[in-house]
Amino acid sequence: MASKSTQDKGDLKSIFHDPDHYIKSFGVYAQASAKYQVLANWGENVFSEVVAKKLKVNTADGEAFRALGVGVGSGEMDTKMMCKLRDRYPLISNIAVEPAAGQIKLYQDLATKMAVKLNGITTDWRKQGLDEFRRAKVESGDTTKYHFISSIHSLYYVDDLDDSVKWLYDQLEDGGMMMIITVSDNSGFWRLWNRYKLFEDQLLRFCNSEHIREACSKHKISFTNYKQKSRVDITDSFEEGNVDGQLKVDFLAHVVDFHSTASPALQQELLEYLGGPECSERKDGEVLFDNDWDAVIVTK
């Protein structure tokens, strides 16, 4: 059901327009949800079983295993995955695509701290979104294909979701694997976004795991879906004037300074919906937002 609010679309701006605010709001949100821990644990445990051990790629002596990460963020999960892959492939060439300069800097700092663990892994950071990376690759005549491709919460920012999924699949070497992570189609995140379509703009298009599965099915791409439960404590979002709570709402709505740019009526409506049973559960006085996400795994 779409929102019936009469909020002027011109007042709202996606946080993708403001990378610094994105990093700030995401940092607060991630700390509250232990999102890094969930992703890192998934990369440490599940990834090893469903991807690293199942890859059918054999590299020649001296040949590097080629990885492409889209939306690598600050590198917490990407480094975990690279280490698991390095257990099988001693040399890895990793292209890390991330549009936010601040996130790249955090990833680079993390890589420096993990230098010993990341031995044998060469990372090439690209300050680009997927569409920009794709255009540059085509324009340069680069025909490189990859043994592993990951896209982590990054396909919300592409011009054509269906075409992007197909293009990523085409970049895989035979025997390679691809992992696409998005919000689950039955998560609070998706219900929030689906209700408030007015938060979308030319840089942000809401999608969920069902859209990824539909794109794969359309192009006859076989896949396996893995669900991950995740909860976020958003209790302070209901405390008037709480800065961290406001930043969480900014990230959830994907709107810059929602508390000062949205109408009072829309703010009240959204907070009531956020705290309601369609988006959250209440436990021991806390409001826990349903942040479930899915990983769609493809083998070529």
Protein backbone atom coordinates (compact mmCIF):
# COMPACT_ATOMS: atom_id res chain seq x y z
CA MET A 1 0.00 0.00 0.00
CA ALA A 2 1.43 3.38 -0.99
CA SER A 3 1.52 6.33 1.38
CA LYS A 4 -1.36 8.81 1.01
CA SER A 5 0.76 11.69 2.30
CA THR A 6 0.70 14.93 0.33
CA GLN A 7 4.35 15.63 1.17
CA ASP A 8 6.03 17.72 -1.55
CA LYS A 9 8.53 15.43 -3.24
CA GLY A 10 10.84 18.39 -3.81
CA ASP A 11 11.51 18.70 -0.08
CA LEU A 12 13.00 15.22 0.21
CA LYS A 13 16.47 14.26 -0.97
CA SER A 14 17.94 10.76 -1.05
CA ILE A 15 21.00 10.26 1.16
CA PHE A 16 22.78 8.97 -1.92
CA HIS A 17 23.09 12.65 -2.91
CA ASP A 18 25.11 13.29 0.26
CA PRO A 19 27.83 10.64 0.77
CA ASP A 20 29.01 12.15 4.06
CA HIS A 21 25.51 12.02 5.53
CA TYR A 22 25.09 8.50 4.19
CA ILE A 23 28.22 7.36 6.01
CA LYS A 24 27.18 9.14 9.20
CA SER A 25 23.65 7.73 9.26
CA PHE A 26 24.77 4.27 8.18
CA GLY A 27 27.42 4.21 10.90
CA VAL A 28 24.84 4.89 13.62
CA TYR A 29 22.42 2.38 12.11
CA ALA A 30 25.08 -0.30 11.73
CA GLN A 31 26.28 0.13 15.30
CA ALA A 32 22.73 -0.25 16.61
CA SER A 33 22.00 -3.33 14.54
CA ALA A 34 25.39 -5.00 14.87
CA LYS A 35 25.00 -5.21 11.10
CA TYR A 36 28.72 -5.57 10.60
CA GLN A 37 28.71 -8.50 12.98
CA VAL A 38 25.85 -10.20 11.14
CA LEU A 39 27.51 -9.67 7.78
CA ALA A 40 30.94 -10.58 9.08
CA ASN A 41 29.62 -13.73 10.75
CA TRP A 42 27.85 -14.65 7.53
CA GLY A 43 31.09 -14.06 5.64
CA GLU A 44 33.03 -16.06 8.19
CA ASN A 45 30.71 -19.04 8.44
CA VAL A 46 27.92 -19.36 5.85
CA PHE A 47 29.91 -17.90 2.95
CA SER A 48 32.57 -20.55 3.38
CA GLU A 49 30.01 -23.34 3.01
CA VAL A 50 27.76 -21.95 0.28
CA VAL A 51 30.38 -20.23 -1.90
CA ALA A 52 34.06 -20.75 -1.10
CA LYS A 53 33.92 -24.53 -0.85
CA LYS A 54 31.60 -24.91 -3.86
CA LEU A 55 33.53 -22.89 -6.43
CA LYS A 56 34.44 -24.99 -9.46
CA VAL A 57 37.22 -22.69 -10.61
CA ASN A 58 40.72 -24.03 -11.20
CA THR A 59 43.38 -21.38 -11.72
CA ALA A 60 46.70 -22.14 -13.41
CA ASP A 61 49.99 -21.84 -11.53
CA GLY A 62 50.70 -18.17 -11.00
CA GLU A 63 47.24 -17.12 -12.17
CA ALA A 64 45.27 -14.91 -9.80
CA PHE A 65 41.70 -15.69 -8.83
CA ARG A 66 39.65 -12.68 -9.99
CA ALA A 67 37.02 -11.16 -7.70
CA LEU A 68 34.70 -8.20 -8.21
CA GLY A 69 32.90 -6.61 -5.28
CA VAL A 70 30.14 -4.05 -5.91
CA GLY A 71 29.15 -1.91 -2.95
CA VAL A 72 31.99 -3.11 -0.71
CA GLY A 73 31.42 -0.32 1.83
CA SER A 74 34.08 -0.15 4.51
CA GLY A 75 35.24 -3.69 3.82
CA GLU A 76 34.13 -5.66 6.88
CA MET A 77 32.44 -8.40 4.89
CA ASP A 78 34.58 -8.14 1.78
CA THR A 79 37.79 -8.83 3.71
CA LYS A 80 36.18 -11.84 5.40
CA MET A 81 35.17 -13.26 2.04
CA MET A 82 38.58 -12.63 0.49
CA CYS A 83 40.28 -14.46 3.34
CA LYS A 84 37.97 -17.45 2.88
CA LEU A 85 38.65 -17.49 -0.86
CA ARG A 86 42.38 -17.18 -0.25
CA ASP A 87 42.24 -20.47 1.66
CA ARG A 88 41.67 -22.09 -1.75
CA TYR A 89 43.31 -19.58 -4.07
CA PRO A 90 46.69 -18.23 -2.89
CA LEU A 91 46.64 -15.27 -5.30
CA ILE A 92 43.58 -13.04 -5.58
CA SER A 93 43.04 -9.92 -7.68
CA ASN A 94 40.12 -8.08 -6.12
CA ILE A 95 38.35 -5.08 -7.68
CA ALA A 96 36.41 -3.23 -4.99
CA VAL A 97 33.73 -0.90 -6.37
CA GLU A 98 32.31 1.68 -3.94
CA PRO A 99 30.96 5.18 -4.74
CA ALA A 100 31.59 6.74 -1.30
CA ALA A 101 35.15 8.01 -0.81
CA GLY A 102 34.79 7.84 2.97
CA GLN A 103 33.87 4.17 2.84
CA ILE A 104 36.86 3.43 0.60
CA LYS A 105 39.16 5.16 3.08
CA LEU A 106 37.77 3.01 5.90
CA TYR A 107 38.28 -0.12 3.80
CA GLN A 108 41.85 0.90 2.99
CA ASP A 109 42.58 1.51 6.68
CA LEU A 110 41.12 -1.89 7.54
CA ALA A 111 43.21 -3.54 4.81
CA THR A 112 46.34 -1.94 6.25
CA LYS A 113 45.52 -3.31 9.71
CA MET A 114 44.84 -6.76 8.21
CA ALA A 115 47.89 -6.76 5.92
CA VAL A 116 49.23 -10.07 7.21
CA LYS A 117 45.86 -11.84 6.90
CA LEU A 118 45.33 -10.37 3.44
CA ASN A 119 48.69 -11.50 2.13
CA GLY A 120 48.35 -12.62 -1.48
CA ILE A 121 45.28 -10.45 -2.07
CA THR A 122 45.69 -7.37 -4.26
CA THR A 123 42.81 -4.88 -4.07
CA ASP A 124 42.05 -2.23 -6.66
CA TRP A 125 39.56 0.29 -5.25
CA ARG A 126 37.27 2.04 -7.72
CA LYS A 127 35.29 5.09 -6.57
CA GLN A 128 32.29 4.24 -8.73
CA GLY A 129 28.77 2.90 -8.62
CA LEU A 130 27.93 -0.18 -10.68
CA ASP A 131 26.58 1.79 -13.66
CA GLU A 132 29.70 3.96 -13.76
CA PHE A 133 32.01 0.96 -13.42
CA ARG A 134 30.12 -0.82 -16.19
CA ARG A 135 30.35 2.14 -18.59
CA ALA A 136 34.07 2.56 -17.95
CA LYS A 137 34.68 -1.16 -18.49
CA VAL A 138 32.81 -1.16 -21.79
CA GLU A 139 34.38 2.08 -23.04
CA SER A 140 37.90 0.85 -22.29
CA GLY A 141 37.32 -2.45 -24.09
CA ASP A 142 38.05 -4.39 -20.89
CA THR A 143 36.79 -7.95 -21.41
CA THR A 144 38.00 -9.32 -18.06
CA LYS A 145 35.72 -11.87 -16.47
CA TYR A 146 35.64 -12.82 -12.81
CA HIS A 147 35.57 -16.00 -10.79
CA PHE A 148 33.50 -14.44 -8.01
CA ILE A 149 31.22 -11.41 -8.01
CA SER A 150 29.45 -9.93 -4.99
CA SER A 151 26.90 -7.14 -4.82
CA ILE A 152 26.03 -6.14 -1.27
CA HIS A 153 23.06 -3.77 -0.86
CA SER A 154 24.14 -1.95 -4.02
CA LEU A 155 21.49 -2.69 -6.65
CA TYR A 156 19.15 -0.04 -5.20
CA TYR A 157 21.27 2.49 -7.08
CA VAL A 158 21.31 1.17 -10.67
CA ASP A 159 19.36 2.49 -13.64
CA ASP A 160 18.02 -0.91 -14.71
CA LEU A 161 17.92 -3.69 -12.13
CA ASP A 162 17.01 -6.51 -14.52
CA ASP A 163 19.73 -5.56 -16.99
CA SER A 164 22.30 -5.11 -14.22
CA VAL A 165 21.71 -8.63 -12.89
CA LYS A 166 22.11 -10.05 -16.40
CA TRP A 167 25.25 -7.98 -17.04
CA LEU A 168 26.87 -9.12 -13.80
CA TYR A 169 26.12 -12.73 -14.67
CA ASP A 170 27.73 -12.20 -18.08
CA GLN A 171 30.91 -11.01 -16.34
CA LEU A 172 31.33 -14.40 -14.63
CA GLU A 173 33.80 -16.98 -15.82
CA ASP A 174 32.36 -20.45 -16.36
CA GLY A 175 32.33 -22.19 -12.99
CA GLY A 176 32.30 -18.82 -11.22
CA MET A 177 29.78 -17.75 -8.59
CA MET A 178 27.84 -14.57 -7.89
CA MET A 179 26.27 -13.41 -4.63
CA ILE A 180 23.68 -10.61 -4.51
CA ILE A 181 22.48 -9.35 -1.13
CA THR A 182 19.40 -7.11 -0.80
CA VAL A 183 16.67 -6.54 1.76
CA SER A 184 14.29 -9.47 2.00
CA ASP A 185 10.94 -9.21 0.25
CA ASN A 186 9.17 -9.85 3.58
CA SER A 187 11.32 -7.55 5.74
CA GLY A 188 10.30 -4.40 7.57
CA PHE A 189 12.70 -2.52 5.34
CA TRP A 190 10.82 -3.53 2.21
CA ARG A 191 7.41 -2.86 3.73
CA LEU A 192 8.61 0.62 4.72
CA TRP A 193 10.03 1.39 1.28
CA ASN A 194 7.05 -0.09 -0.53
CA ARG A 195 4.67 2.07 1.49
CA TYR A 196 6.65 5.27 0.98
CA LYS A 197 7.48 5.28 -2.72
CA LEU A 198 7.90 9.06 -2.58
CA PHE A 199 11.35 8.49 -1.01
CA GLU A 200 12.63 7.20 -4.35
CA ASP A 201 14.40 9.53 -6.77
CA GLN A 202 16.63 9.36 -9.84
CA LEU A 203 19.51 7.90 -7.79
CA LEU A 204 17.54 5.50 -5.61
CA ARG A 205 15.14 2.78 -6.72
CA PHE A 206 13.76 0.43 -4.13
CA CYS A 207 14.06 -3.30 -4.76
CA ASN A 208 14.09 -6.51 -2.75
CA SER A 209 15.27 -10.08 -3.06
CA GLU A 210 12.17 -11.16 -4.96
CA HIS A 211 13.09 -8.72 -7.73
CA ILE A 212 16.54 -10.31 -7.92
CA ARG A 213 15.06 -13.79 -8.10
CA GLU A 214 12.61 -12.66 -10.81
CA ALA A 215 15.47 -11.20 -12.87
CA CYS A 216 17.41 -14.46 -12.55
CA SER A 217 14.39 -16.53 -13.56
CA LYS A 218 13.69 -14.29 -16.55
CA HIS A 219 17.21 -14.86 -17.87
CA LYS A 220 17.15 -18.57 -16.98
CA ILE A 221 19.85 -18.09 -14.34
CA SER A 222 19.72 -20.79 -11.66
CA PHE A 223 20.01 -19.57 -8.09
CA THR A 224 19.74 -20.54 -4.44
CA ASN A 225 18.27 -18.14 -1.86
CA TYR A 226 19.60 -17.84 1.70
CA LYS A 227 17.69 -15.84 4.31
CA GLN A 228 19.36 -13.96 7.17
CA LYS A 229 17.44 -12.69 10.18
CA SER A 230 18.54 -9.29 11.44
CA ARG A 231 17.10 -6.83 13.95
CA VAL A 232 17.91 -3.17 14.67
CA ASP A 233 17.25 -1.37 17.95
CA ILE A 234 15.51 1.86 16.86
CA THR A 235 14.08 2.74 20.26
CA ASP A 236 15.84 6.11 20.35
CA SER A 237 14.19 7.09 17.06
CA PHE A 238 11.06 7.73 19.11
CA GLU A 239 12.83 10.05 21.56
CA GLU A 240 12.32 13.67 20.56
CA GLY A 241 15.59 15.42 19.70
CA ASN A 242 17.70 12.23 19.90
CA VAL A 243 20.34 12.77 17.21
CA ASP A 244 21.26 9.11 16.80
CA GLY A 245 17.59 8.22 16.55
CA GLN A 246 17.11 10.84 13.83
CA LEU A 247 20.07 9.48 11.90
CA LYS A 248 18.61 5.97 12.03
CA VAL A 249 15.37 7.29 10.55
CA ASP A 250 17.40 9.04 7.84
CA PHE A 251 19.00 5.74 6.92
CA LEU A 252 15.77 3.77 7.06
CA ALA A 253 13.93 6.28 4.87
CA HIS A 254 17.11 6.95 2.84
CA VAL A 255 16.33 10.67 3.15
CA VAL A 256 18.74 13.44 4.20
CA ASP A 257 17.60 15.19 7.43
CA PHE A 258 14.14 13.65 7.38
CA HIS A 259 13.23 15.33 10.68
CA SER A 260 13.73 18.80 9.22
CA THR A 261 12.65 18.28 5.58
CA ALA A 262 9.53 16.14 5.97
CA SER A 263 6.22 17.66 7.06
CA PRO A 264 5.20 17.08 10.71
CA ALA A 265 2.31 14.94 9.48
CA LEU A 266 4.62 12.70 7.43
CA GLN A 267 7.08 12.41 10.30
CA GLN A 268 4.35 11.29 12.68
CA GLU A 269 2.90 8.89 10.12
CA LEU A 270 6.27 7.31 9.34
CA LEU A 271 7.28 6.91 12.98
CA GLU A 272 3.96 5.24 13.78
CA TYR A 273 4.47 2.84 10.89
CA LEU A 274 8.11 2.17 11.85
CA GLY A 275 7.09 1.28 15.37
CA GLY A 276 4.12 -0.82 14.30
CA PRO A 277 3.95 -4.59 13.79
CA GLU A 278 4.52 -4.44 10.02
CA CYS A 279 8.05 -3.09 10.54
CA SER A 280 9.11 -3.84 14.09
CA GLU A 281 8.69 -6.06 17.11
CA ARG A 282 8.74 -4.85 20.70
CA LYS A 283 10.73 -6.69 23.33
CA ASP A 284 11.76 -5.66 26.85
CA GLY A 285 10.92 -2.04 26.16
CA GLU A 286 12.92 -1.92 22.93
CA VAL A 287 11.64 -1.35 19.41
CA LEU A 288 13.45 -3.82 17.11
CA PHE A 289 13.21 -3.10 13.40
CA ASP A 290 12.96 -6.06 10.99
CA ASN A 291 16.17 -5.75 8.96
CA ASP A 292 16.07 -9.22 7.36
CA TRP A 293 18.06 -9.66 4.16
CA ASP A 294 18.56 -12.38 1.57
CA ALA A 295 21.60 -13.61 -0.34
CA VAL A 296 20.89 -14.91 -3.84
CA ILE A 297 23.71 -17.24 -4.90
CA VAL A 298 24.33 -18.07 -8.56
CA THR A 299 26.75 -20.54 -10.17
CA LYS A 300 27.59 -20.22 -13.86
